[in-house]
Amino acid sequence: MTVVVAFNCTDGVVIAADSMITPNMGGINVGHHHGMKLAVLAGPQLFAFAGDQGQAARFRVMADGSHALIPQVGHPLDYSIAISQSIIQQLQNTGISIQMVNANTILAFAKDGTHHCCVFEGPLQPRFLDANHFYVALGSGKLSADPFLRFLVDTFCAGNTQPSVREGMFLATWVVQHVIETNPGGVAGPIRVATFEATVNGAFDARNLPDDEIAEHQQAVESAAEALRVWRDQLQSGEAAEDAPGQPEAPPAQA
């Protein structure tokens, strides 16, 4: 079980994930281990997965060795389609039919000086995040992540505007933390976060955030929650903002 959250931001891509790896035998979960679901690939590219670990590992190898295609294709979708076609064919070569594909992946890369975030869903079919559809959650934790994602986007991304990478790191961390704390099982820390963004010289860099930087965003999450608790206390004391609802009036006495 897992949760992976991605934001296509104004200046790059942010991906966050939990660390639970759940091997299974015949569809029955047989253990829980900690592992990395994010990886920096050649190109550079940023990769993440949810679902079958073996199938996702083969996708990762395929993408890692295919980055030379990026400048050769005419459109970013052409690269994603080539990856999808190649991995599906490779899986079929070893007896894995399209109905048996059980991995969702995310691949961030740059083409013609612009960052792109492609989600491979279902039987590894590519879909790009864009300015109007800029976030996604994958994995078994999606049921918990999606409603909270919508709440955070409505709150922090006014008018459905894309966040910056800095804002995306904060939002993605909060969503993964929320799923870890509320999911009944199978999703666990530590939280992992990675970014794909342009550098000062115009090139792109993919990196995994160190633990101390992730801890800063977790502290920011707690600070945001504390700010809401302060607002709650002000509401109760009558000191909240002017647009806060007032105390309800007592109903008239019955004759």
Protein backbone atom coordinates (compact mmCIF):
# COMPACT_ATOMS: atom_id res chain seq x y z
CA MET A 1 0.00 0.00 0.00
CA THR A 2 1.21 3.46 -0.73
CA VAL A 3 0.49 7.10 -1.45
CA VAL A 4 2.29 9.31 -3.96
CA VAL A 5 1.35 12.98 -4.45
CA ALA A 6 2.58 15.17 -7.30
CA PHE A 7 2.23 18.88 -8.07
CA ASN A 8 3.03 20.41 -11.44
CA CYS A 9 4.12 23.86 -10.27
CA THR A 10 4.79 27.15 -12.02
CA ASP A 11 8.55 26.60 -11.76
CA GLY A 12 8.93 22.83 -11.55
CA VAL A 13 7.53 19.59 -10.18
CA VAL A 14 7.18 18.30 -6.63
CA ILE A 15 6.57 14.65 -5.75
CA ALA A 16 6.10 13.27 -2.24
CA ALA A 17 5.51 9.72 -1.04
CA ASP A 18 5.36 7.55 2.02
CA SER A 19 7.94 4.79 2.52
CA MET A 20 5.82 1.65 2.97
CA ILE A 21 6.61 -1.27 0.66
CA THR A 22 4.13 -4.15 0.94
CA PRO A 23 5.25 -7.37 -0.77
CA ASN A 24 2.51 -9.88 -1.50
CA MET A 25 2.07 -13.47 -2.55
CA GLY A 26 -0.96 -14.40 -4.62
CA GLY A 27 -2.57 -11.06 -3.84
CA ILE A 28 -2.11 -11.50 -0.08
CA ASN A 29 0.13 -9.00 1.69
CA VAL A 30 2.91 -10.87 3.46
CA GLY A 31 5.04 -8.11 4.94
CA HIS A 32 5.76 -4.42 5.40
CA HIS A 33 9.12 -2.86 4.61
CA HIS A 34 10.44 0.65 4.21
CA GLY A 35 11.72 1.65 0.78
CA MET A 36 12.20 4.53 -1.65
CA LYS A 37 9.40 5.23 -4.13
CA LEU A 38 11.15 8.29 -5.60
CA ALA A 39 14.25 8.24 -7.78
CA VAL A 40 16.38 10.69 -9.72
CA LEU A 41 17.07 9.30 -13.20
CA ALA A 42 19.39 10.27 -16.04
CA GLY A 43 18.32 13.17 -18.18
CA PRO A 44 17.68 14.40 -15.51
CA GLN A 45 14.27 12.92 -14.79
CA LEU A 46 12.29 12.42 -11.62
CA PHE A 47 10.48 9.11 -11.12
CA ALA A 48 7.92 7.84 -8.61
CA PHE A 49 5.69 4.79 -8.42
CA ALA A 50 2.74 3.20 -6.69
CA GLY A 51 1.66 -0.41 -7.00
CA ASP A 52 3.65 -3.47 -8.07
CA GLN A 53 7.27 -2.91 -7.14
CA GLY A 54 8.67 -5.24 -9.79
CA GLN A 55 6.73 -3.72 -12.67
CA ALA A 56 7.62 -0.22 -11.48
CA ALA A 57 11.30 -1.16 -11.29
CA ARG A 58 11.22 -2.26 -14.92
CA PHE A 59 9.57 1.04 -15.89
CA ARG A 60 12.30 2.89 -14.00
CA VAL A 61 15.06 1.06 -15.90
CA MET A 62 13.28 1.77 -19.20
CA ALA A 63 12.97 5.51 -18.46
CA ASP A 64 16.51 5.75 -17.10
CA GLY A 65 17.91 4.41 -20.35
CA SER A 66 15.62 6.33 -22.72
CA HIS A 67 16.36 9.95 -21.84
CA ALA A 68 18.31 10.45 -25.08
CA LEU A 69 14.98 10.30 -26.91
CA ILE A 70 13.71 13.50 -25.29
CA PRO A 71 15.49 16.01 -27.58
CA GLN A 72 14.75 13.84 -30.63
CA VAL A 73 10.95 13.75 -30.38
CA GLY A 74 8.71 16.54 -31.60
CA HIS A 75 6.44 16.76 -28.57
CA PRO A 76 6.71 15.72 -24.91
CA LEU A 77 3.77 13.34 -25.44
CA ASP A 78 5.79 11.49 -28.07
CA TYR A 79 8.42 10.64 -25.47
CA SER A 80 5.81 9.45 -22.97
CA ILE A 81 4.08 7.32 -25.60
CA ALA A 82 7.41 5.77 -26.57
CA ILE A 83 8.08 4.87 -22.93
CA SER A 84 4.57 3.44 -22.52
CA GLN A 85 4.81 1.35 -25.69
CA SER A 86 8.24 0.02 -24.80
CA ILE A 87 7.43 -1.03 -21.23
CA ILE A 88 4.10 -2.64 -22.20
CA GLN A 89 5.88 -4.64 -24.90
CA GLN A 90 8.61 -5.64 -22.47
CA LEU A 91 6.08 -6.79 -19.88
CA GLN A 92 4.20 -8.81 -22.48
CA ASN A 93 7.46 -10.47 -23.52
CA THR A 94 7.62 -12.03 -20.07
CA GLY A 95 3.97 -13.05 -19.87
CA ILE A 96 2.44 -9.98 -18.20
CA SER A 97 -0.66 -9.05 -20.18
CA ILE A 98 -2.15 -5.57 -20.27
CA GLN A 99 -4.81 -6.74 -17.78
CA MET A 100 -2.08 -7.76 -15.32
CA VAL A 101 -0.36 -4.37 -15.22
CA ASN A 102 -0.55 -3.16 -11.63
CA ALA A 103 1.72 -0.14 -11.39
CA ASN A 104 1.14 3.59 -11.69
CA THR A 105 4.13 5.84 -12.24
CA ILE A 106 5.05 9.51 -12.52
CA LEU A 107 7.85 10.89 -14.67
CA ALA A 108 9.02 14.50 -14.63
CA PHE A 109 11.36 15.69 -17.36
CA ALA A 110 12.26 18.77 -19.39
CA LYS A 111 11.66 19.33 -23.08
CA ASP A 112 12.60 22.50 -24.98
CA GLY A 113 13.35 24.37 -21.76
CA THR A 114 10.02 23.55 -20.11
CA HIS A 115 9.30 21.11 -17.30
CA HIS A 116 6.64 18.42 -17.72
CA CYS A 117 4.98 15.99 -15.33
CA CYS A 118 3.46 12.86 -16.89
CA VAL A 119 1.32 10.40 -14.95
CA PHE A 120 1.10 6.82 -16.25
CA GLU A 121 -2.21 5.43 -14.98
CA GLY A 122 -4.25 2.28 -15.56
CA PRO A 123 -2.28 0.11 -17.99
CA LEU A 124 0.52 2.72 -18.04
CA GLN A 125 -1.31 5.24 -20.21
CA PRO A 126 0.30 8.73 -20.19
CA ARG A 127 -1.50 11.84 -18.95
CA PHE A 128 0.18 15.22 -18.47
CA LEU A 129 -0.56 17.49 -15.54
CA ASP A 130 -1.17 21.06 -16.72
CA ALA A 131 -2.07 24.50 -15.44
CA ASN A 132 -5.71 23.53 -14.89
CA HIS A 133 -5.10 19.98 -13.61
CA PHE A 134 -1.88 20.34 -11.68
CA TYR A 135 -2.03 17.76 -8.88
CA VAL A 136 -2.58 14.03 -8.54
CA ALA A 137 -2.52 11.29 -5.92
CA LEU A 138 -1.73 7.65 -6.68
CA GLY A 139 -1.80 4.43 -4.67
CA SER A 140 -4.03 2.84 -2.08
CA GLY A 141 -3.96 6.06 -0.04
CA LYS A 142 -5.66 7.97 -2.86
CA LEU A 143 -9.07 7.68 -1.18
CA SER A 144 -7.72 9.58 1.82
CA ALA A 145 -5.48 11.92 -0.17
CA ASP A 146 -7.90 13.24 -2.80
CA PRO A 147 -10.44 14.98 -0.51
CA PHE A 148 -7.66 16.55 1.54
CA LEU A 149 -5.83 17.59 -1.63
CA ARG A 150 -8.94 19.40 -2.79
CA PHE A 151 -9.25 21.15 0.57
CA LEU A 152 -5.64 22.34 0.54
CA VAL A 153 -5.78 23.47 -3.09
CA ASP A 154 -8.99 25.40 -2.47
CA THR A 155 -7.39 27.01 0.60
CA PHE A 156 -3.88 27.79 -0.59
CA CYS A 157 -4.19 27.94 -4.40
CA ALA A 158 -6.81 30.67 -4.75
CA GLY A 159 -8.59 30.57 -8.08
CA ASN A 160 -7.09 27.15 -8.86
CA THR A 161 -3.69 28.71 -9.59
CA GLN A 162 -0.59 26.54 -9.69
CA PRO A 163 1.67 26.76 -6.66
CA SER A 164 5.40 27.40 -6.77
CA VAL A 165 7.81 24.56 -6.01
CA ARG A 166 8.30 25.98 -2.52
CA GLU A 167 4.55 25.96 -1.91
CA GLY A 168 4.21 22.55 -3.55
CA MET A 169 6.71 21.00 -1.13
CA PHE A 170 4.66 22.26 1.81
CA LEU A 171 1.34 21.06 0.33
CA ALA A 172 2.63 17.65 -0.76
CA THR A 173 4.22 17.04 2.64
CA TRP A 174 0.96 17.90 4.40
CA VAL A 175 -1.09 15.56 2.21
CA VAL A 176 1.24 12.58 2.72
CA GLN A 177 1.39 13.26 6.46
CA HIS A 178 -2.41 13.42 6.57
CA VAL A 179 -2.74 10.06 4.80
CA ILE A 180 -0.18 8.43 7.11
CA GLU A 181 -2.06 9.69 10.16
CA THR A 182 -5.58 8.79 8.95
CA ASN A 183 -5.18 5.66 6.81
CA PRO A 184 -6.11 2.45 8.64
CA GLY A 185 -2.86 0.76 7.62
CA GLY A 186 -0.29 0.15 4.93
CA VAL A 187 0.93 3.74 4.59
CA ALA A 188 3.85 4.80 6.74
CA GLY A 189 6.72 7.24 7.10
CA PRO A 190 9.26 8.53 6.75
CA ILE A 191 7.92 11.04 4.24
CA ARG A 192 10.04 11.39 1.11
CA VAL A 193 9.98 14.51 -1.08
CA ALA A 194 11.76 15.24 -4.37
CA THR A 195 11.78 18.20 -6.75
CA PHE A 196 12.45 18.87 -10.42
CA GLU A 197 13.15 22.52 -11.21
CA ALA A 198 15.23 24.90 -13.27
CA THR A 199 18.59 26.09 -11.96
CA VAL A 200 20.02 29.60 -12.24
CA ASN A 201 21.75 28.73 -15.55
CA GLY A 202 18.53 27.47 -17.14
CA ALA A 203 19.30 23.77 -16.84
CA PHE A 204 17.06 21.45 -14.83
CA ASP A 205 17.92 19.62 -11.64
CA ALA A 206 16.17 16.70 -9.95
CA ARG A 207 16.91 16.03 -6.30
CA ASN A 208 15.69 14.17 -3.26
CA LEU A 209 15.21 16.50 -0.32
CA PRO A 210 17.36 15.69 2.74
CA ASP A 211 15.61 14.74 5.96
CA ASP A 212 16.27 18.09 7.63
CA GLU A 213 14.63 19.99 4.76
CA ILE A 214 11.59 17.70 4.87
CA ALA A 215 11.43 18.30 8.63
CA GLU A 216 11.22 22.05 7.95
CA HIS A 217 8.10 21.51 5.83
CA GLN A 218 6.61 19.26 8.51
CA GLN A 219 7.21 22.07 11.00
CA ALA A 220 5.51 24.48 8.59
CA VAL A 221 2.50 22.13 8.52
CA GLU A 222 2.33 22.26 12.31
CA SER A 223 2.66 26.05 12.24
CA ALA A 224 -0.27 26.28 9.80
CA ALA A 225 -2.37 24.05 12.05
CA GLU A 226 -1.42 26.15 15.07
CA ALA A 227 -2.48 29.32 13.23
CA LEU A 228 -5.90 27.77 12.68
CA ARG A 229 -6.13 26.87 16.37
CA VAL A 230 -5.30 30.48 17.31
CA TRP A 231 -8.06 31.66 14.95
CA ARG A 232 -10.43 29.17 16.61
CA ASP A 233 -9.58 30.55 20.05
CA GLN A 234 -10.15 34.10 18.81
CA LEU A 235 -13.48 33.04 17.36
CA GLN A 236 -14.56 31.62 20.70
CA SER A 237 -13.47 34.77 22.54
CA GLY A 238 -15.07 37.15 20.05
CA GLU A 239 -11.71 38.53 18.87
CA ALA A 240 -11.67 36.90 15.43
CA ALA A 241 -11.76 38.69 12.13
CA GLU A 242 -14.79 40.80 11.25
CA ASP A 243 -16.03 38.23 8.73
CA ALA A 244 -16.10 35.45 11.34
CA PRO A 245 -19.61 34.29 12.28
CA GLY A 246 -20.96 35.71 15.49
CA GLN A 247 -22.47 33.84 18.39
CA PRO A 248 -25.95 32.52 17.59
CA GLU A 249 -28.79 34.37 19.27
CA ALA A 250 -30.78 32.55 21.88
CA PRO A 251 -34.20 31.37 20.65
CA PRO A 252 -37.18 33.37 21.91
CA ALA A 253 -38.77 32.09 25.09
CA GLN A 254 -41.85 29.96 24.59
CA ALA A 255 -45.08 31.48 25.85
